[in-house]
Amino acid sequence: MNKRSVGSAYEARAAVHLESLGYQMICRNYRSRMGEIDLIARHQGYLVFVEVKYRSDENSGSAAEAVDFRKQQRIIRVARWYLMEHHIPEEQPVRFDVVAFEGNQVRVIQDAFWT
């Protein structure tokens, strides 16, 4: 499998896992000229932008560590574009979560970073 198909498979697994936790999926693989967000969902009154990361082992660091400051800033820019494009009111609470797959373990990190 190539990287894209592996990424898609883990994004699908993440969506199913999040739905089991009460998330309502709105969009998968949102793309704009600003970039891409893996998953967008609603959860407990929040509009949640989700980054999915996978690592088969920790040789290159943990999956969560891969969402570094630069990646966070890119996700925030895309999220702002999404909010503007979909006319979401400024009052709508938003959150940035990370779903980290490390081997067979899955970890959901709510409020992983802020704007």
N, C-alpha and C. Protein backbone atom coordinates (compact mmCIF):
# COMPACT_ATOMS: atom_id res chain seq x y z
N MET A 1 0.84 -1.19 0.00
CA MET A 1 0.00 0.00 0.00
C MET A 1 0.88 1.25 0.00
N ASN A 2 0.44 2.28 -0.72
CA ASN A 2 1.19 3.52 -0.72
C ASN A 2 0.76 4.38 0.47
N LYS A 3 1.49 5.47 0.71
CA LYS A 3 1.21 6.32 1.87
C LYS A 3 -0.21 6.86 1.87
N ARG A 4 -0.70 7.24 0.70
CA ARG A 4 -2.05 7.81 0.63
C ARG A 4 -3.11 6.80 1.04
N SER A 5 -2.99 5.56 0.55
CA SER A 5 -3.99 4.56 0.89
C SER A 5 -3.88 4.15 2.36
N VAL A 6 -2.67 4.12 2.90
CA VAL A 6 -2.50 3.84 4.33
C VAL A 6 -3.14 4.96 5.14
N GLY A 7 -2.89 6.21 4.75
CA GLY A 7 -3.48 7.35 5.44
C GLY A 7 -5.00 7.31 5.40
N SER A 8 -5.55 6.98 4.25
CA SER A 8 -7.01 6.89 4.11
C SER A 8 -7.59 5.80 5.01
N ALA A 9 -6.90 4.68 5.09
CA ALA A 9 -7.37 3.58 5.94
C ALA A 9 -7.39 4.01 7.41
N TYR A 10 -6.36 4.70 7.86
CA TYR A 10 -6.33 5.14 9.26
C TYR A 10 -7.33 6.27 9.51
N GLU A 11 -7.56 7.11 8.54
CA GLU A 11 -8.60 8.15 8.70
C GLU A 11 -9.97 7.50 8.84
N ALA A 12 -10.23 6.45 8.07
CA ALA A 12 -11.51 5.74 8.18
C ALA A 12 -11.64 5.08 9.55
N ARG A 13 -10.55 4.46 10.03
CA ARG A 13 -10.57 3.85 11.37
C ARG A 13 -10.79 4.91 12.44
N ALA A 14 -10.16 6.06 12.28
CA ALA A 14 -10.32 7.14 13.25
C ALA A 14 -11.76 7.62 13.28
N ALA A 15 -12.38 7.76 12.11
CA ALA A 15 -13.78 8.22 12.04
C ALA A 15 -14.69 7.25 12.77
N VAL A 16 -14.51 5.96 12.56
CA VAL A 16 -15.33 4.95 13.23
C VAL A 16 -15.12 5.02 14.74
N HIS A 17 -13.86 5.15 15.16
CA HIS A 17 -13.56 5.22 16.59
C HIS A 17 -14.19 6.46 17.21
N LEU A 18 -14.05 7.59 16.55
CA LEU A 18 -14.62 8.83 17.07
C LEU A 18 -16.15 8.75 17.14
N GLU A 19 -16.76 8.16 16.14
CA GLU A 19 -18.22 7.99 16.16
C GLU A 19 -18.65 7.15 17.36
N SER A 20 -17.84 6.15 17.71
CA SER A 20 -18.16 5.32 18.88
C SER A 20 -18.06 6.12 20.18
N LEU A 21 -17.36 7.26 20.13
CA LEU A 21 -17.21 8.13 21.30
C LEU A 21 -18.22 9.28 21.28
N GLY A 22 -19.11 9.27 20.29
CA GLY A 22 -20.16 10.29 20.24
C GLY A 22 -19.91 11.43 19.27
N TYR A 23 -18.83 11.39 18.52
CA TYR A 23 -18.57 12.42 17.51
C TYR A 23 -19.53 12.19 16.34
N GLN A 24 -19.98 13.26 15.72
CA GLN A 24 -20.80 13.17 14.51
C GLN A 24 -19.96 13.71 13.35
N MET A 25 -19.61 12.84 12.42
CA MET A 25 -18.76 13.24 11.30
C MET A 25 -19.51 14.18 10.37
N ILE A 26 -18.83 15.24 9.98
CA ILE A 26 -19.35 16.20 9.01
C ILE A 26 -18.65 16.03 7.68
N CYS A 27 -17.33 15.84 7.74
CA CYS A 27 -16.54 15.85 6.51
C CYS A 27 -15.27 15.03 6.72
N ARG A 28 -14.88 14.33 5.67
CA ARG A 28 -13.58 13.64 5.65
C ARG A 28 -12.74 14.25 4.54
N ASN A 29 -11.48 14.45 4.82
CA ASN A 29 -10.53 14.99 3.84
C ASN A 29 -11.00 16.30 3.23
N TYR A 30 -11.30 17.27 4.08
CA TYR A 30 -11.65 18.59 3.58
C TYR A 30 -10.41 19.21 2.95
N ARG A 31 -10.57 19.66 1.70
CA ARG A 31 -9.46 20.28 0.98
C ARG A 31 -9.86 21.68 0.52
N SER A 32 -8.92 22.59 0.66
CA SER A 32 -9.09 23.94 0.13
C SER A 32 -7.74 24.38 -0.40
N ARG A 33 -7.71 25.57 -0.93
CA ARG A 33 -6.42 26.08 -1.44
C ARG A 33 -5.44 26.32 -0.30
N MET A 34 -5.95 26.33 0.95
CA MET A 34 -5.10 26.55 2.12
C MET A 34 -4.45 25.25 2.61
N GLY A 35 -5.04 24.11 2.24
CA GLY A 35 -4.51 22.83 2.70
C GLY A 35 -5.62 21.83 2.95
N GLU A 36 -5.38 20.87 3.85
CA GLU A 36 -6.31 19.78 4.10
C GLU A 36 -6.47 19.53 5.59
N ILE A 37 -7.68 19.12 5.96
CA ILE A 37 -7.96 18.65 7.31
C ILE A 37 -8.54 17.25 7.17
N ASP A 38 -8.03 16.32 7.97
CA ASP A 38 -8.42 14.92 7.83
C ASP A 38 -9.89 14.69 8.12
N LEU A 39 -10.37 15.16 9.27
CA LEU A 39 -11.77 14.95 9.65
C LEU A 39 -12.32 16.21 10.29
N ILE A 40 -13.60 16.45 10.06
CA ILE A 40 -14.31 17.54 10.73
C ILE A 40 -15.57 16.92 11.32
N ALA A 41 -15.82 17.22 12.60
CA ALA A 41 -16.94 16.59 13.29
C ALA A 41 -17.56 17.56 14.29
N ARG A 42 -18.68 17.14 14.84
CA ARG A 42 -19.30 17.84 15.96
C ARG A 42 -19.20 16.93 17.18
N HIS A 43 -18.88 17.54 18.33
CA HIS A 43 -18.78 16.76 19.57
C HIS A 43 -19.00 17.68 20.75
N GLN A 44 -20.02 17.38 21.52
CA GLN A 44 -20.32 18.11 22.75
C GLN A 44 -20.38 19.62 22.54
N GLY A 45 -21.04 20.04 21.46
CA GLY A 45 -21.21 21.46 21.16
C GLY A 45 -20.07 22.10 20.40
N TYR A 46 -18.99 21.39 20.20
CA TYR A 46 -17.82 21.91 19.49
C TYR A 46 -17.85 21.48 18.02
N LEU A 47 -17.30 22.33 17.18
CA LEU A 47 -16.93 21.94 15.83
C LEU A 47 -15.48 21.51 15.96
N VAL A 48 -15.18 20.26 15.63
CA VAL A 48 -13.87 19.69 15.91
C VAL A 48 -13.12 19.41 14.61
N PHE A 49 -11.91 19.95 14.54
CA PHE A 49 -11.02 19.69 13.41
C PHE A 49 -10.02 18.64 13.90
N VAL A 50 -9.94 17.51 13.18
CA VAL A 50 -9.17 16.37 13.65
C VAL A 50 -8.03 16.05 12.70
N GLU A 51 -6.85 15.90 13.27
CA GLU A 51 -5.68 15.44 12.53
C GLU A 51 -5.44 13.99 12.93
N VAL A 52 -5.26 13.12 11.94
CA VAL A 52 -5.01 11.70 12.19
C VAL A 52 -3.56 11.40 11.85
N LYS A 53 -2.86 10.76 12.79
CA LYS A 53 -1.46 10.39 12.55
C LYS A 53 -1.25 8.93 12.92
N TYR A 54 -0.36 8.28 12.17
CA TYR A 54 -0.05 6.86 12.38
C TYR A 54 1.46 6.67 12.41
N ARG A 55 1.90 5.84 13.33
CA ARG A 55 3.30 5.40 13.37
C ARG A 55 3.29 3.91 13.67
N SER A 56 4.04 3.13 12.89
CA SER A 56 4.11 1.69 13.15
C SER A 56 5.03 1.40 14.33
N ASP A 57 5.97 2.31 14.57
CA ASP A 57 6.86 2.20 15.73
C ASP A 57 7.32 3.61 16.10
N GLU A 58 8.07 3.72 17.18
CA GLU A 58 8.48 5.04 17.65
C GLU A 58 9.87 5.45 17.18
N ASN A 59 10.40 4.77 16.17
CA ASN A 59 11.73 5.13 15.66
C ASN A 59 11.79 6.56 15.15
N SER A 60 10.68 7.05 14.62
CA SER A 60 10.65 8.43 14.12
C SER A 60 9.78 9.32 15.01
N GLY A 61 9.68 8.95 16.30
CA GLY A 61 8.88 9.72 17.24
C GLY A 61 7.46 9.22 17.30
N SER A 62 6.73 9.73 18.28
CA SER A 62 5.35 9.29 18.44
C SER A 62 4.46 9.95 17.38
N ALA A 63 3.31 9.35 17.17
CA ALA A 63 2.37 9.89 16.19
C ALA A 63 1.94 11.30 16.59
N ALA A 64 1.65 11.51 17.87
CA ALA A 64 1.20 12.82 18.33
C ALA A 64 2.28 13.88 18.13
N GLU A 65 3.55 13.51 18.33
CA GLU A 65 4.65 14.46 18.14
C GLU A 65 4.76 14.94 16.70
N ALA A 66 4.23 14.17 15.77
CA ALA A 66 4.30 14.55 14.35
C ALA A 66 3.44 15.78 14.05
N VAL A 67 2.51 16.10 14.96
CA VAL A 67 1.68 17.30 14.79
C VAL A 67 2.40 18.44 15.48
N ASP A 68 3.48 18.87 14.85
CA ASP A 68 4.33 19.91 15.43
C ASP A 68 3.72 21.30 15.21
N PHE A 69 4.39 22.33 15.70
CA PHE A 69 3.89 23.69 15.64
C PHE A 69 3.56 24.11 14.21
N ARG A 70 4.42 23.78 13.29
CA ARG A 70 4.21 24.15 11.89
C ARG A 70 2.94 23.49 11.33
N LYS A 71 2.76 22.20 11.62
CA LYS A 71 1.56 21.48 11.18
C LYS A 71 0.32 22.07 11.84
N GLN A 72 0.42 22.40 13.12
CA GLN A 72 -0.70 23.01 13.84
C GLN A 72 -1.12 24.32 13.17
N GLN A 73 -0.15 25.15 12.81
CA GLN A 73 -0.46 26.43 12.18
C GLN A 73 -1.16 26.23 10.84
N ARG A 74 -0.74 25.23 10.09
CA ARG A 74 -1.38 24.92 8.80
C ARG A 74 -2.84 24.48 9.03
N ILE A 75 -3.06 23.62 10.01
CA ILE A 75 -4.41 23.15 10.31
C ILE A 75 -5.29 24.32 10.75
N ILE A 76 -4.77 25.20 11.56
CA ILE A 76 -5.52 26.37 12.02
C ILE A 76 -5.91 27.25 10.84
N ARG A 77 -4.99 27.48 9.90
CA ARG A 77 -5.31 28.28 8.71
C ARG A 77 -6.43 27.65 7.90
N VAL A 78 -6.36 26.34 7.70
CA VAL A 78 -7.39 25.64 6.92
C VAL A 78 -8.72 25.70 7.67
N ALA A 79 -8.68 25.53 8.99
CA ALA A 79 -9.91 25.60 9.79
C ALA A 79 -10.55 26.98 9.67
N ARG A 80 -9.76 28.03 9.72
CA ARG A 80 -10.30 29.38 9.57
C ARG A 80 -10.95 29.54 8.20
N TRP A 81 -10.33 28.99 7.17
CA TRP A 81 -10.88 29.04 5.82
C TRP A 81 -12.23 28.30 5.79
N TYR A 82 -12.28 27.12 6.41
CA TYR A 82 -13.51 26.32 6.45
C TYR A 82 -14.62 27.13 7.13
N LEU A 83 -14.32 27.75 8.25
CA LEU A 83 -15.31 28.53 8.99
C LEU A 83 -15.84 29.67 8.13
N MET A 84 -14.95 30.35 7.43
CA MET A 84 -15.35 31.46 6.56
C MET A 84 -16.18 30.94 5.38
N GLU A 85 -15.69 29.92 4.73
CA GLU A 85 -16.34 29.37 3.54
C GLU A 85 -17.76 28.84 3.85
N HIS A 86 -17.94 28.30 5.04
CA HIS A 86 -19.23 27.73 5.42
C HIS A 86 -20.08 28.67 6.28
N HIS A 87 -19.64 29.92 6.39
CA HIS A 87 -20.38 30.95 7.12
C HIS A 87 -20.73 30.51 8.55
N ILE A 88 -19.75 29.91 9.22
CA ILE A 88 -19.94 29.48 10.61
C ILE A 88 -19.77 30.71 11.50
N PRO A 89 -20.73 30.96 12.39
CA PRO A 89 -20.62 32.14 13.26
C PRO A 89 -19.38 32.08 14.16
N GLU A 90 -18.84 33.25 14.45
CA GLU A 90 -17.65 33.34 15.31
C GLU A 90 -17.88 32.76 16.69
N GLU A 91 -19.14 32.74 17.13
CA GLU A 91 -19.47 32.24 18.46
C GLU A 91 -19.35 30.72 18.57
N GLN A 92 -19.30 30.04 17.43
CA GLN A 92 -19.22 28.57 17.44
C GLN A 92 -17.92 28.13 18.10
N PRO A 93 -18.00 27.38 19.21
CA PRO A 93 -16.77 26.88 19.81
C PRO A 93 -16.10 25.85 18.89
N VAL A 94 -14.80 25.96 18.76
CA VAL A 94 -14.05 25.00 17.94
C VAL A 94 -12.97 24.35 18.81
N ARG A 95 -12.54 23.20 18.34
CA ARG A 95 -11.52 22.44 19.07
C ARG A 95 -10.67 21.72 18.05
N PHE A 96 -9.42 21.50 18.40
CA PHE A 96 -8.49 20.77 17.55
C PHE A 96 -8.06 19.50 18.28
N ASP A 97 -8.46 18.35 17.73
CA ASP A 97 -8.12 17.06 18.32
C ASP A 97 -7.13 16.32 17.42
N VAL A 98 -6.40 15.41 18.03
CA VAL A 98 -5.49 14.53 17.29
C VAL A 98 -5.86 13.10 17.63
N VAL A 99 -5.96 12.27 16.60
CA VAL A 99 -6.11 10.83 16.79
C VAL A 99 -4.77 10.21 16.41
N ALA A 100 -4.11 9.61 17.40
CA ALA A 100 -2.77 9.05 17.20
C ALA A 100 -2.84 7.53 17.23
N PHE A 101 -2.44 6.91 16.14
CA PHE A 101 -2.32 5.45 16.06
C PHE A 101 -0.85 5.12 16.19
N GLU A 102 -0.54 4.29 17.19
CA GLU A 102 0.84 3.82 17.38
C GLU A 102 0.77 2.32 17.51
N GLY A 103 1.18 1.64 16.43
CA GLY A 103 1.01 0.19 16.38
C GLY A 103 -0.48 -0.11 16.42
N ASN A 104 -0.92 -0.90 17.40
CA ASN A 104 -2.33 -1.24 17.53
C ASN A 104 -3.06 -0.36 18.53
N GLN A 105 -2.39 0.60 19.10
CA GLN A 105 -2.99 1.50 20.09
C GLN A 105 -3.55 2.74 19.40
N VAL A 106 -4.72 3.20 19.89
CA VAL A 106 -5.30 4.44 19.38
C VAL A 106 -5.51 5.36 20.57
N ARG A 107 -5.15 6.62 20.39
CA ARG A 107 -5.31 7.60 21.46
C ARG A 107 -5.95 8.85 20.87
N VAL A 108 -7.01 9.33 21.51
CA VAL A 108 -7.67 10.56 21.10
C VAL A 108 -7.21 11.66 22.05
N ILE A 109 -6.63 12.69 21.50
CA ILE A 109 -6.16 13.82 22.30
C ILE A 109 -7.08 15.00 22.00
N GLN A 110 -7.98 15.29 22.93
CA GLN A 110 -8.88 16.43 22.76
C GLN A 110 -8.14 17.70 23.14
N ASP A 111 -8.50 18.80 22.45
CA ASP A 111 -7.83 20.09 22.71
C ASP A 111 -6.31 19.94 22.62
N ALA A 112 -5.86 19.28 21.57
CA ALA A 112 -4.44 19.00 21.41
C ALA A 112 -3.62 20.28 21.24
N PHE A 113 -4.23 21.30 20.65
CA PHE A 113 -3.58 22.60 20.51
C PHE A 113 -4.64 23.66 20.33
N TRP A 114 -4.23 24.91 20.43
CA TRP A 114 -5.17 26.04 20.39
C TRP A 114 -4.73 27.06 19.38
N THR A 115 -5.66 27.95 19.05
CA THR A 115 -5.35 29.04 18.12
C THR A 115 -4.67 30.17 18.85
